């Protein structure tokens, strides 16, 4: 297979077109869409988002120290695109996209709302801000997660394949497709015929 040599660039893909809800001290909730997000650590659970300092949401997150990562479904992809293109300085994105800011009454130590229409919302408290260049990275502790109970099976296992999540790759959005494996399936021992009979 012939391959071309290109200079370094941001071509790791796919990535999530995550909708980040945030709120400054003025009490006005906002949404921005970011692709630069992921998991940094399991114990303690840590995540990050990278945001340009010029973005309207940057000072809101910096001053409040909070944000919520809301997973984006195929039904939310138009809203996610809109929230990535428009600025909260001029537009009420919750209103324009007909989305609902969801404040958790049981979470008194967290003022920022989630997006009610998202099937999973990940509540984050900023621990560090790392300047990187075009973007600053907000490193955060994952302090709580809100999950739509429709994504759980009878045993309580999370089934994100039911959510219809979207992905972003090189300027285009995609709906995630069929499951092609599970973690560890390549090294899992096959059941013997006897065991299969027994089960």
N, C-alpha and C. Protein backbone atom coordinates (compact mmCIF):
# COMPACT_ATOMS: atom_id res chain seq x y z
N UNK A 1 0.85 -1.19 0.00
CA UNK A 1 0.00 0.00 0.00
C UNK A 1 0.88 1.25 0.00
N UNK A 2 0.74 2.09 -1.00
CA UNK A 2 1.53 3.31 -1.09
C UNK A 2 0.98 4.36 -0.13
N UNK A 3 1.88 5.05 0.58
CA UNK A 3 1.46 6.08 1.52
C UNK A 3 2.21 7.37 1.25
N UNK A 4 1.52 8.50 1.39
CA UNK A 4 2.13 9.81 1.22
C UNK A 4 2.61 10.33 2.56
N UNK A 5 3.63 11.16 2.54
CA UNK A 5 4.17 11.75 3.77
C UNK A 5 3.65 13.18 3.88
N UNK A 6 2.85 13.48 4.91
CA UNK A 6 2.33 14.81 5.16
C UNK A 6 2.95 15.36 6.44
N UNK A 7 2.91 16.67 6.60
CA UNK A 7 3.39 17.26 7.85
C UNK A 7 2.36 16.98 8.95
N UNK A 8 2.79 17.13 10.20
CA UNK A 8 1.91 16.84 11.33
C UNK A 8 0.66 17.70 11.32
N UNK A 9 -0.46 17.10 11.68
CA UNK A 9 -1.73 17.83 11.72
C UNK A 9 -2.74 17.09 12.58
N UNK A 10 -3.91 17.69 12.74
CA UNK A 10 -4.94 17.14 13.63
C UNK A 10 -5.83 16.16 12.88
N UNK A 11 -5.28 15.01 12.52
CA UNK A 11 -6.04 14.05 11.73
C UNK A 11 -6.34 12.74 12.49
N UNK A 12 -6.22 12.76 13.80
CA UNK A 12 -6.69 11.60 14.57
C UNK A 12 -8.21 11.58 14.48
N UNK A 13 -8.77 10.47 14.05
CA UNK A 13 -10.22 10.41 13.84
C UNK A 13 -10.70 8.96 13.94
N UNK A 14 -11.97 8.74 14.24
CA UNK A 14 -12.99 9.77 14.52
C UNK A 14 -12.87 10.29 15.95
N UNK A 15 -13.51 11.42 16.19
CA UNK A 15 -13.56 12.02 17.52
C UNK A 15 -15.03 12.38 17.81
N UNK A 16 -15.38 12.61 19.06
CA UNK A 16 -16.78 12.94 19.36
C UNK A 16 -17.06 14.41 19.13
N UNK A 17 -18.15 14.76 18.47
CA UNK A 17 -18.58 16.16 18.39
C UNK A 17 -19.34 16.49 19.67
N UNK A 18 -18.61 16.63 20.78
CA UNK A 18 -19.24 16.75 22.09
C UNK A 18 -19.81 18.14 22.31
N UNK A 19 -20.99 18.18 22.90
CA UNK A 19 -21.63 19.45 23.23
C UNK A 19 -21.31 19.78 24.68
N UNK A 20 -20.58 20.87 24.88
CA UNK A 20 -20.13 21.26 26.21
C UNK A 20 -21.03 22.37 26.74
N UNK A 21 -21.72 22.09 27.82
CA UNK A 21 -22.53 23.13 28.44
C UNK A 21 -21.71 23.78 29.55
N UNK A 22 -21.88 25.10 29.68
CA UNK A 22 -21.12 25.85 30.66
C UNK A 22 -21.95 27.06 31.08
N UNK A 23 -21.50 27.71 32.14
CA UNK A 23 -22.24 28.89 32.62
C UNK A 23 -21.31 29.75 33.44
N UNK A 24 -21.29 31.05 33.13
CA UNK A 24 -20.47 31.98 33.89
C UNK A 24 -21.21 32.47 35.12
N UNK A 25 -20.61 33.42 35.79
CA UNK A 25 -21.21 33.94 37.02
C UNK A 25 -22.45 34.78 36.74
N UNK A 26 -22.71 35.11 35.46
CA UNK A 26 -23.92 35.87 35.12
C UNK A 26 -25.16 34.98 35.09
N UNK A 27 -24.98 33.67 35.22
CA UNK A 27 -26.11 32.76 35.27
C UNK A 27 -26.72 32.42 33.93
N UNK A 28 -26.06 32.80 32.82
CA UNK A 28 -26.58 32.49 31.49
C UNK A 28 -25.88 31.24 30.94
N UNK A 29 -26.60 30.13 30.76
CA UNK A 29 -25.97 28.91 30.25
C UNK A 29 -25.64 29.03 28.76
N UNK A 30 -24.59 28.35 28.36
CA UNK A 30 -24.15 28.38 26.97
C UNK A 30 -23.71 26.98 26.56
N UNK A 31 -23.60 26.77 25.26
CA UNK A 31 -23.14 25.49 24.71
C UNK A 31 -22.07 25.78 23.67
N UNK A 32 -20.97 25.05 23.71
CA UNK A 32 -20.01 25.05 22.61
C UNK A 32 -19.76 23.61 22.22
N UNK A 33 -19.39 23.41 20.97
CA UNK A 33 -19.10 22.07 20.49
C UNK A 33 -17.60 21.92 20.32
N UNK A 34 -17.05 20.85 20.88
CA UNK A 34 -15.61 20.58 20.75
C UNK A 34 -15.40 19.15 20.27
N UNK A 35 -14.34 18.98 19.52
CA UNK A 35 -13.93 17.62 19.12
C UNK A 35 -12.73 17.17 19.95
N UNK A 36 -12.01 18.14 20.52
CA UNK A 36 -10.81 17.79 21.28
C UNK A 36 -11.21 17.49 22.73
N UNK A 37 -11.56 16.26 22.98
CA UNK A 37 -11.91 15.80 24.32
C UNK A 37 -11.65 14.31 24.42
N UNK A 38 -11.51 13.82 25.62
CA UNK A 38 -11.26 12.39 25.82
C UNK A 38 -10.97 12.10 27.28
N UNK A 39 -10.57 10.87 27.54
CA UNK A 39 -10.25 10.43 28.90
C UNK A 39 -8.75 10.52 29.12
N UNK A 40 -8.35 11.02 30.28
CA UNK A 40 -6.93 11.14 30.63
C UNK A 40 -6.49 10.10 31.65
N UNK A 41 -7.41 9.70 32.54
CA UNK A 41 -7.02 8.81 33.63
C UNK A 41 -8.26 8.09 34.17
N UNK A 42 -8.04 6.84 34.64
CA UNK A 42 -9.14 6.06 35.21
C UNK A 42 -9.33 6.35 36.69
N UNK A 43 -8.24 6.31 37.45
CA UNK A 43 -8.29 6.54 38.91
C UNK A 43 -7.29 7.62 39.28
N UNK A 44 -7.71 8.82 39.60
CA UNK A 44 -9.10 9.30 39.61
C UNK A 44 -9.60 9.53 38.18
N UNK A 45 -10.92 9.49 37.97
CA UNK A 45 -11.44 9.70 36.62
C UNK A 45 -11.22 11.15 36.18
N UNK A 46 -10.43 11.31 35.10
CA UNK A 46 -10.11 12.65 34.61
C UNK A 46 -10.34 12.73 33.11
N UNK A 47 -10.79 13.90 32.68
CA UNK A 47 -11.04 14.16 31.28
C UNK A 47 -10.44 15.51 30.92
N UNK A 48 -10.65 15.93 29.68
CA UNK A 48 -10.17 17.24 29.26
C UNK A 48 -11.03 17.75 28.10
N UNK A 49 -11.01 19.05 27.92
CA UNK A 49 -11.46 19.66 26.67
C UNK A 49 -10.42 20.71 26.31
N UNK A 50 -10.16 20.87 25.04
CA UNK A 50 -9.26 21.93 24.58
C UNK A 50 -10.08 23.01 23.89
N UNK A 51 -9.89 24.25 24.33
CA UNK A 51 -10.73 25.36 23.87
C UNK A 51 -9.82 26.54 23.49
N UNK A 52 -10.16 27.20 22.40
CA UNK A 52 -9.44 28.42 22.02
C UNK A 52 -9.77 29.53 23.02
N UNK A 53 -8.78 30.27 23.51
CA UNK A 53 -9.07 31.36 24.45
C UNK A 53 -9.98 32.44 23.87
N UNK A 54 -10.08 32.52 22.55
CA UNK A 54 -10.95 33.52 21.92
C UNK A 54 -12.43 33.14 21.96
N UNK A 55 -12.73 31.89 22.29
CA UNK A 55 -14.12 31.45 22.30
C UNK A 55 -14.88 32.09 23.47
N UNK A 56 -16.14 32.40 23.25
CA UNK A 56 -16.99 33.01 24.29
C UNK A 56 -17.05 32.14 25.54
N UNK A 57 -17.04 30.83 25.36
CA UNK A 57 -17.18 29.91 26.50
C UNK A 57 -15.92 29.82 27.35
N UNK A 58 -14.79 30.21 26.79
CA UNK A 58 -13.52 30.05 27.51
C UNK A 58 -13.54 30.75 28.88
N UNK A 59 -13.85 32.06 28.94
CA UNK A 59 -13.86 32.69 30.27
C UNK A 59 -14.97 32.17 31.18
N UNK A 60 -16.07 31.68 30.59
CA UNK A 60 -17.15 31.12 31.42
C UNK A 60 -16.66 29.89 32.17
N UNK A 61 -15.95 29.03 31.46
CA UNK A 61 -15.42 27.81 32.08
C UNK A 61 -14.30 28.15 33.05
N UNK A 62 -13.47 29.11 32.67
CA UNK A 62 -12.34 29.49 33.52
C UNK A 62 -12.80 30.08 34.85
N UNK A 63 -13.82 30.95 34.80
CA UNK A 63 -14.27 31.62 36.03
C UNK A 63 -15.13 30.71 36.91
N UNK A 64 -15.90 29.81 36.28
CA UNK A 64 -16.76 28.92 37.08
C UNK A 64 -16.05 27.66 37.52
N UNK A 65 -15.06 27.21 36.72
CA UNK A 65 -14.35 25.97 37.03
C UNK A 65 -15.18 24.74 36.78
N UNK A 66 -16.23 24.87 35.97
CA UNK A 66 -17.14 23.75 35.70
C UNK A 66 -17.51 23.67 34.23
N UNK A 67 -17.81 22.46 33.78
CA UNK A 67 -18.44 22.26 32.48
C UNK A 67 -19.04 20.87 32.46
N UNK A 68 -19.92 20.64 31.50
CA UNK A 68 -20.55 19.32 31.34
C UNK A 68 -20.33 18.86 29.91
N UNK A 69 -19.80 17.65 29.75
CA UNK A 69 -19.66 17.03 28.43
C UNK A 69 -20.94 16.26 28.16
N UNK A 70 -21.69 16.70 27.15
CA UNK A 70 -22.94 16.03 26.78
C UNK A 70 -22.72 15.25 25.48
N UNK A 71 -22.96 13.94 25.53
CA UNK A 71 -22.74 13.13 24.34
C UNK A 71 -23.78 13.47 23.27
N UNK A 72 -23.33 13.47 22.03
CA UNK A 72 -24.16 13.89 20.91
C UNK A 72 -24.69 12.70 20.13
N UNK A 73 -26.00 12.66 19.93
CA UNK A 73 -26.64 11.61 19.15
C UNK A 73 -26.88 12.11 17.73
N UNK A 74 -27.33 11.21 16.87
CA UNK A 74 -27.65 11.61 15.49
C UNK A 74 -28.77 12.66 15.48
N UNK A 75 -29.68 12.57 16.45
CA UNK A 75 -30.77 13.55 16.52
C UNK A 75 -30.27 14.94 16.94
N UNK A 76 -29.14 14.98 17.63
CA UNK A 76 -28.61 16.24 18.12
C UNK A 76 -27.53 16.84 17.22
N UNK A 77 -27.21 16.18 16.11
CA UNK A 77 -26.05 16.60 15.32
C UNK A 77 -26.23 17.98 14.70
N UNK A 78 -27.43 18.33 14.28
CA UNK A 78 -27.65 19.68 13.73
C UNK A 78 -27.42 20.73 14.81
N UNK A 79 -27.89 20.46 16.02
CA UNK A 79 -27.68 21.39 17.13
C UNK A 79 -26.19 21.49 17.47
N UNK A 80 -25.51 20.35 17.44
CA UNK A 80 -24.07 20.35 17.73
C UNK A 80 -23.32 21.19 16.71
N UNK A 81 -23.68 21.07 15.44
CA UNK A 81 -23.03 21.85 14.40
C UNK A 81 -23.31 23.34 14.60
N UNK A 82 -24.56 23.67 14.89
CA UNK A 82 -24.95 25.06 15.12
C UNK A 82 -24.16 25.66 16.28
N UNK A 83 -24.05 24.90 17.36
CA UNK A 83 -23.36 25.39 18.56
C UNK A 83 -21.85 25.53 18.35
N UNK A 84 -21.33 24.86 17.33
CA UNK A 84 -19.92 25.01 16.99
C UNK A 84 -19.67 26.17 16.03
N UNK A 85 -20.73 26.65 15.39
CA UNK A 85 -20.58 27.71 14.39
C UNK A 85 -20.97 29.09 14.91
N UNK A 86 -21.90 29.15 15.84
CA UNK A 86 -22.40 30.43 16.36
C UNK A 86 -21.77 30.75 17.71
N UNK A 87 -21.69 32.03 18.03
CA UNK A 87 -21.12 32.44 19.31
C UNK A 87 -22.21 32.75 20.33
N UNK A 88 -21.96 32.35 21.55
CA UNK A 88 -22.88 32.63 22.64
C UNK A 88 -22.94 34.10 23.01
N UNK A 89 -22.03 34.89 22.48
CA UNK A 89 -22.08 36.34 22.72
C UNK A 89 -23.33 36.94 22.10
N UNK A 90 -23.77 36.35 20.99
CA UNK A 90 -24.88 36.92 20.23
C UNK A 90 -26.13 36.04 20.21
N UNK A 91 -25.97 34.76 20.52
CA UNK A 91 -27.08 33.81 20.35
C UNK A 91 -27.30 33.01 21.63
N UNK A 92 -28.56 32.86 22.01
CA UNK A 92 -28.93 31.94 23.09
C UNK A 92 -29.06 30.56 22.43
N UNK A 93 -28.03 29.75 22.56
CA UNK A 93 -28.00 28.48 21.82
C UNK A 93 -29.02 27.48 22.35
N UNK A 94 -29.28 27.49 23.65
CA UNK A 94 -30.32 26.61 24.18
C UNK A 94 -31.66 26.94 23.53
N UNK A 95 -31.97 28.23 23.45
CA UNK A 95 -33.24 28.66 22.87
C UNK A 95 -33.31 28.36 21.37
N UNK A 96 -32.25 28.72 20.64
CA UNK A 96 -32.23 28.55 19.19
C UNK A 96 -32.32 27.07 18.79
N UNK A 97 -31.71 26.20 19.57
CA UNK A 97 -31.69 24.77 19.24
C UNK A 97 -32.80 24.00 19.93
N UNK A 98 -33.66 24.72 20.67
CA UNK A 98 -34.77 24.09 21.41
C UNK A 98 -34.26 22.99 22.35
N UNK A 99 -33.21 23.32 23.07
CA UNK A 99 -32.62 22.41 24.05
C UNK A 99 -32.94 22.90 25.46
N UNK A 100 -32.89 21.98 26.41
CA UNK A 100 -33.30 22.28 27.78
C UNK A 100 -32.11 22.24 28.73
N UNK A 101 -31.80 23.38 29.39
CA UNK A 101 -30.75 23.33 30.42
C UNK A 101 -31.28 22.56 31.64
N UNK A 102 -30.56 21.55 32.03
CA UNK A 102 -31.01 20.67 33.12
C UNK A 102 -30.12 20.85 34.34
N UNK A 103 -30.68 21.48 35.37
CA UNK A 103 -29.95 21.69 36.62
C UNK A 103 -30.27 20.54 37.57
N UNK A 104 -29.27 19.94 38.15
CA UNK A 104 -29.48 18.80 39.04
C UNK A 104 -29.73 19.31 40.47
N UNK A 105 -30.95 19.15 40.97
CA UNK A 105 -31.26 19.66 42.32
C UNK A 105 -30.53 18.90 43.42
N UNK A 106 -30.06 17.69 43.11
CA UNK A 106 -29.36 16.88 44.12
C UNK A 106 -27.85 17.13 44.12
N UNK A 107 -27.41 18.03 43.27
CA UNK A 107 -25.98 18.27 43.10
C UNK A 107 -25.72 19.74 43.43
N UNK A 108 -25.77 20.06 44.72
CA UNK A 108 -25.71 21.46 45.16
C UNK A 108 -24.36 22.11 44.89
N UNK A 109 -23.32 21.31 44.78
CA UNK A 109 -21.98 21.85 44.59
C UNK A 109 -21.65 22.06 43.12
N UNK A 110 -22.67 22.06 42.26
CA UNK A 110 -22.44 22.18 40.82
C UNK A 110 -23.52 23.07 40.22
N UNK A 111 -23.13 24.24 39.71
CA UNK A 111 -24.12 25.21 39.21
C UNK A 111 -24.42 25.05 37.73
N UNK A 112 -23.49 24.48 36.97
CA UNK A 112 -23.61 24.39 35.51
C UNK A 112 -24.68 23.37 35.10
N UNK A 113 -25.53 23.71 34.13
CA UNK A 113 -26.54 22.75 33.69
C UNK A 113 -26.01 21.77 32.65
N UNK A 114 -26.66 20.63 32.57
CA UNK A 114 -26.43 19.68 31.48
C UNK A 114 -27.45 19.97 30.38
N UNK A 115 -27.38 19.21 29.30
CA UNK A 115 -28.38 19.30 28.23
C UNK A 115 -29.33 18.12 28.41
N UNK A 116 -30.59 18.40 28.71
CA UNK A 116 -31.55 17.35 29.04
C UNK A 116 -31.73 16.35 27.90
N UNK A 117 -31.60 16.80 26.67
CA UNK A 117 -31.84 15.94 25.51
C UNK A 117 -30.68 14.98 25.23
N UNK A 118 -29.54 15.16 25.86
CA UNK A 118 -28.41 14.25 25.68
C UNK A 118 -28.61 13.01 26.53
N UNK A 119 -28.29 11.81 26.00
CA UNK A 119 -28.50 10.58 26.77
C UNK A 119 -27.48 10.38 27.89
N UNK A 120 -26.35 11.09 27.81
CA UNK A 120 -25.36 10.98 28.88
C UNK A 120 -24.65 12.32 29.05
N UNK A 121 -24.60 12.77 30.28
CA UNK A 121 -23.93 14.03 30.61
C UNK A 121 -22.88 13.78 31.68
N UNK A 122 -21.69 14.29 31.44
CA UNK A 122 -20.53 14.04 32.30
C UNK A 122 -20.14 15.35 32.97
N UNK A 123 -20.35 15.43 34.28
CA UNK A 123 -20.12 16.65 35.04
C UNK A 123 -18.65 16.75 35.44
N UNK A 124 -18.04 17.90 35.15
CA UNK A 124 -16.59 18.04 35.30
C UNK A 124 -16.22 19.29 36.09
N UNK A 125 -15.22 19.14 36.97
CA UNK A 125 -14.66 20.26 37.72
C UNK A 125 -13.21 20.46 37.27
N UNK A 126 -12.89 21.66 36.83
CA UNK A 126 -11.56 21.95 36.30
C UNK A 126 -10.52 21.87 37.42
N UNK A 127 -9.43 21.15 37.14
CA UNK A 127 -8.33 21.07 38.10
C UNK A 127 -7.09 21.81 37.62
N UNK A 128 -6.91 21.88 36.30
CA UNK A 128 -5.73 22.55 35.73
C UNK A 128 -6.09 23.13 34.36
N UNK A 129 -5.40 24.20 34.01
CA UNK A 129 -5.50 24.77 32.66
C UNK A 129 -4.10 24.80 32.07
N UNK A 130 -3.93 24.13 30.93
CA UNK A 130 -2.61 24.01 30.32
C UNK A 130 -2.60 24.72 28.97
N UNK A 131 -1.85 25.84 28.85
CA UNK A 131 -1.74 26.51 27.55
C UNK A 131 -0.93 25.64 26.59
N UNK A 132 -1.45 25.42 25.39
CA UNK A 132 -0.79 24.54 24.43
C UNK A 132 -0.38 25.25 23.14
N UNK A 133 -0.99 26.39 22.85
CA UNK A 133 -0.77 27.06 21.58
C UNK A 133 -2.07 27.69 21.14
N UNK A 134 -2.66 27.16 20.07
CA UNK A 134 -3.95 27.69 19.61
C UNK A 134 -5.05 27.43 20.64
N UNK A 135 -4.92 26.37 21.42
CA UNK A 135 -5.92 25.98 22.41
C UNK A 135 -5.28 25.87 23.80
N UNK A 136 -6.12 26.06 24.81
CA UNK A 136 -5.75 25.72 26.18
C UNK A 136 -6.52 24.46 26.56
N UNK A 137 -5.86 23.59 27.30
CA UNK A 137 -6.51 22.36 27.74
C UNK A 137 -7.04 22.54 29.17
N UNK A 138 -8.36 22.34 29.33
CA UNK A 138 -8.96 22.30 30.66
C UNK A 138 -8.95 20.85 31.13
N UNK A 139 -8.09 20.54 32.07
CA UNK A 139 -8.06 19.21 32.67
C UNK A 139 -9.06 19.20 33.82
N UNK A 140 -9.87 18.16 33.91
CA UNK A 140 -10.96 18.19 34.88
C UNK A 140 -11.20 16.83 35.52
N UNK A 141 -11.69 16.88 36.75
CA UNK A 141 -12.15 15.68 37.45
C UNK A 141 -13.59 15.40 37.04
N UNK A 142 -13.88 14.15 36.73
CA UNK A 142 -15.26 13.74 36.46
C UNK A 142 -15.91 13.47 37.80
N UNK A 143 -16.86 14.33 38.18
CA UNK A 143 -17.43 14.24 39.52
C UNK A 143 -18.78 13.54 39.56
N UNK A 144 -19.45 13.46 38.40
CA UNK A 144 -20.75 12.80 38.36
C UNK A 144 -21.13 12.54 36.91
N UNK A 145 -22.00 11.57 36.70
CA UNK A 145 -22.47 11.24 35.35
C UNK A 145 -23.98 11.01 35.42
N UNK A 146 -24.69 11.59 34.47
CA UNK A 146 -26.13 11.40 34.36
C UNK A 146 -26.40 10.55 33.12
N UNK A 147 -27.11 9.43 33.29
CA UNK A 147 -27.33 8.48 32.20
C UNK A 147 -28.82 8.22 32.01
N UNK A 148 -29.27 8.27 30.76
CA UNK A 148 -30.65 7.91 30.44
C UNK A 148 -30.84 6.43 30.76
N UNK A 149 -31.82 6.11 31.58
CA UNK A 149 -32.02 4.71 32.00
C UNK A 149 -32.41 3.81 30.83
N UNK A 150 -32.83 4.40 29.72
CA UNK A 150 -33.16 3.60 28.54
C UNK A 150 -31.91 2.94 27.94
N UNK A 151 -30.73 3.41 28.34
CA UNK A 151 -29.48 2.84 27.83
C UNK A 151 -28.99 1.65 28.67
N UNK A 152 -29.73 1.29 29.70
CA UNK A 152 -29.34 0.17 30.56
C UNK A 152 -30.13 -1.07 30.19
N UNK A 153 -29.45 -2.23 30.25
CA UNK A 153 -30.17 -3.48 30.01
C UNK A 153 -30.77 -3.98 31.32
N UNK A 154 -31.35 -5.16 31.30
CA UNK A 154 -32.05 -5.69 32.48
C UNK A 154 -31.12 -5.88 33.68
N UNK A 155 -29.83 -6.09 33.41
CA UNK A 155 -28.87 -6.30 34.51
C UNK A 155 -28.24 -4.99 34.97
N UNK A 156 -28.60 -3.87 34.33
CA UNK A 156 -28.04 -2.59 34.70
C UNK A 156 -26.78 -2.22 33.93
N UNK A 157 -26.42 -3.02 32.94
CA UNK A 157 -25.22 -2.74 32.14
C UNK A 157 -25.50 -1.61 31.15
N UNK A 158 -24.53 -0.70 31.03
CA UNK A 158 -24.65 0.41 30.10
C UNK A 158 -24.47 -0.09 28.67
N UNK A 159 -25.40 0.25 27.79
CA UNK A 159 -25.36 -0.17 26.38
C UNK A 159 -25.37 1.08 25.50
N UNK A 160 -24.20 1.68 25.33
CA UNK A 160 -24.12 2.93 24.56
C UNK A 160 -24.45 2.72 23.08
N UNK A 161 -24.42 1.46 22.62
CA UNK A 161 -24.78 1.21 21.22
C UNK A 161 -26.26 1.54 20.96
N UNK A 162 -27.05 1.66 22.03
CA UNK A 162 -28.46 2.01 21.88
C UNK A 162 -28.67 3.52 21.70
N UNK A 163 -27.61 4.31 21.92
CA UNK A 163 -27.78 5.76 21.98
C UNK A 163 -27.79 6.44 20.61
N UNK A 164 -27.29 5.77 19.58
CA UNK A 164 -27.21 6.40 18.27
C UNK A 164 -26.22 7.55 18.24
N UNK A 165 -25.04 7.32 18.82
CA UNK A 165 -24.05 8.38 18.94
C UNK A 165 -23.46 8.78 17.59
N UNK A 166 -23.02 10.02 17.52
CA UNK A 166 -22.41 10.55 16.30
C UNK A 166 -20.90 10.66 16.47
N UNK A 167 -20.19 10.70 15.35
CA UNK A 167 -18.74 10.87 15.33
C UNK A 167 -18.39 11.95 14.32
N UNK A 168 -17.19 12.51 14.48
CA UNK A 168 -16.71 13.57 13.59
C UNK A 168 -15.35 13.16 13.04
N UNK A 169 -15.18 13.29 11.73
CA UNK A 169 -13.90 12.95 11.10
C UNK A 169 -13.65 13.87 9.92
N UNK A 170 -12.61 14.67 10.03
CA UNK A 170 -12.13 15.52 8.93
C UNK A 170 -13.25 16.36 8.31
N UNK A 171 -13.99 17.06 9.19
CA UNK A 171 -15.02 17.99 8.70
C UNK A 171 -16.36 17.37 8.38
N UNK A 172 -16.54 16.08 8.70
CA UNK A 172 -17.81 15.42 8.39
C UNK A 172 -18.33 14.67 9.61
N UNK A 173 -19.66 14.58 9.70
CA UNK A 173 -20.31 13.87 10.80
C UNK A 173 -20.78 12.50 10.33
N UNK A 174 -20.70 11.53 11.23
CA UNK A 174 -21.11 10.17 10.91
C UNK A 174 -21.91 9.58 12.07
N UNK A 175 -22.85 8.73 11.74
CA UNK A 175 -23.56 7.95 12.76
C UNK A 175 -22.76 6.69 13.00
N UNK A 176 -22.51 6.35 14.26
CA UNK A 176 -21.77 5.13 14.55
C UNK A 176 -22.55 3.92 14.07
N UNK A 177 -21.85 2.95 13.50
CA UNK A 177 -22.51 1.80 12.89
C UNK A 177 -22.57 0.59 13.79
N UNK A 178 -22.60 -0.58 13.16
CA UNK A 178 -22.79 -1.82 13.91
C UNK A 178 -21.57 -2.16 14.75
N UNK A 179 -21.81 -2.87 15.84
CA UNK A 179 -20.74 -3.32 16.72
C UNK A 179 -19.94 -4.41 16.02
N UNK A 180 -18.61 -4.32 16.07
CA UNK A 180 -17.76 -5.31 15.39
C UNK A 180 -16.88 -6.09 16.36
N UNK A 181 -17.04 -5.86 17.65
CA UNK A 181 -16.27 -6.61 18.65
C UNK A 181 -16.49 -6.01 20.01
N UNK A 182 -15.96 -6.66 21.02
CA UNK A 182 -15.98 -6.14 22.38
C UNK A 182 -14.56 -6.18 22.92
N UNK A 183 -14.28 -5.34 23.92
CA UNK A 183 -12.93 -5.25 24.46
C UNK A 183 -12.44 -6.62 24.93
N UNK A 184 -11.30 -7.06 24.40
CA UNK A 184 -10.70 -8.33 24.80
C UNK A 184 -11.13 -9.52 23.97
N UNK A 185 -11.99 -9.32 22.95
CA UNK A 185 -12.50 -10.47 22.20
C UNK A 185 -11.41 -11.18 21.42
N UNK A 186 -10.34 -10.48 21.08
CA UNK A 186 -9.28 -11.09 20.26
C UNK A 186 -8.46 -12.12 21.03
N UNK A 187 -8.49 -12.04 22.36
CA UNK A 187 -7.70 -12.98 23.16
C UNK A 187 -8.57 -13.87 24.04
N UNK A 188 -9.89 -13.71 23.94
CA UNK A 188 -10.80 -14.51 24.76
C UNK A 188 -10.74 -15.97 24.35
N UNK A 189 -10.77 -16.84 25.34
CA UNK A 189 -10.75 -18.28 25.06
C UNK A 189 -12.11 -18.71 24.55
N UNK A 190 -12.09 -19.56 23.54
CA UNK A 190 -13.35 -20.07 23.00
C UNK A 190 -13.92 -21.10 23.95
N UNK A 191 -15.25 -21.11 24.07
CA UNK A 191 -15.92 -22.11 24.89
C UNK A 191 -15.77 -23.48 24.23
N UNK A 192 -15.51 -24.48 25.04
CA UNK A 192 -15.43 -25.84 24.50
C UNK A 192 -16.84 -26.34 24.18
N UNK A 193 -16.93 -27.38 23.38
CA UNK A 193 -18.23 -27.93 23.02
C UNK A 193 -18.97 -28.38 24.27
N UNK A 194 -18.22 -28.96 25.23
CA UNK A 194 -18.85 -29.46 26.46
C UNK A 194 -19.47 -28.32 27.26
N UNK A 195 -18.71 -27.21 27.34
CA UNK A 195 -19.21 -26.06 28.08
C UNK A 195 -20.43 -25.46 27.42
N UNK A 196 -20.40 -25.45 26.07
CA UNK A 196 -21.53 -24.90 25.34
C UNK A 196 -22.79 -25.72 25.60
N UNK A 197 -22.60 -27.08 25.65
CA UNK A 197 -23.73 -27.97 25.90
C UNK A 197 -24.32 -27.72 27.28
N UNK A 198 -23.39 -27.55 28.25
CA UNK A 198 -23.80 -27.36 29.62
C UNK A 198 -24.61 -26.08 29.78
N UNK A 199 -24.17 -25.03 29.05
CA UNK A 199 -24.86 -23.75 29.14
C UNK A 199 -26.13 -23.77 28.32
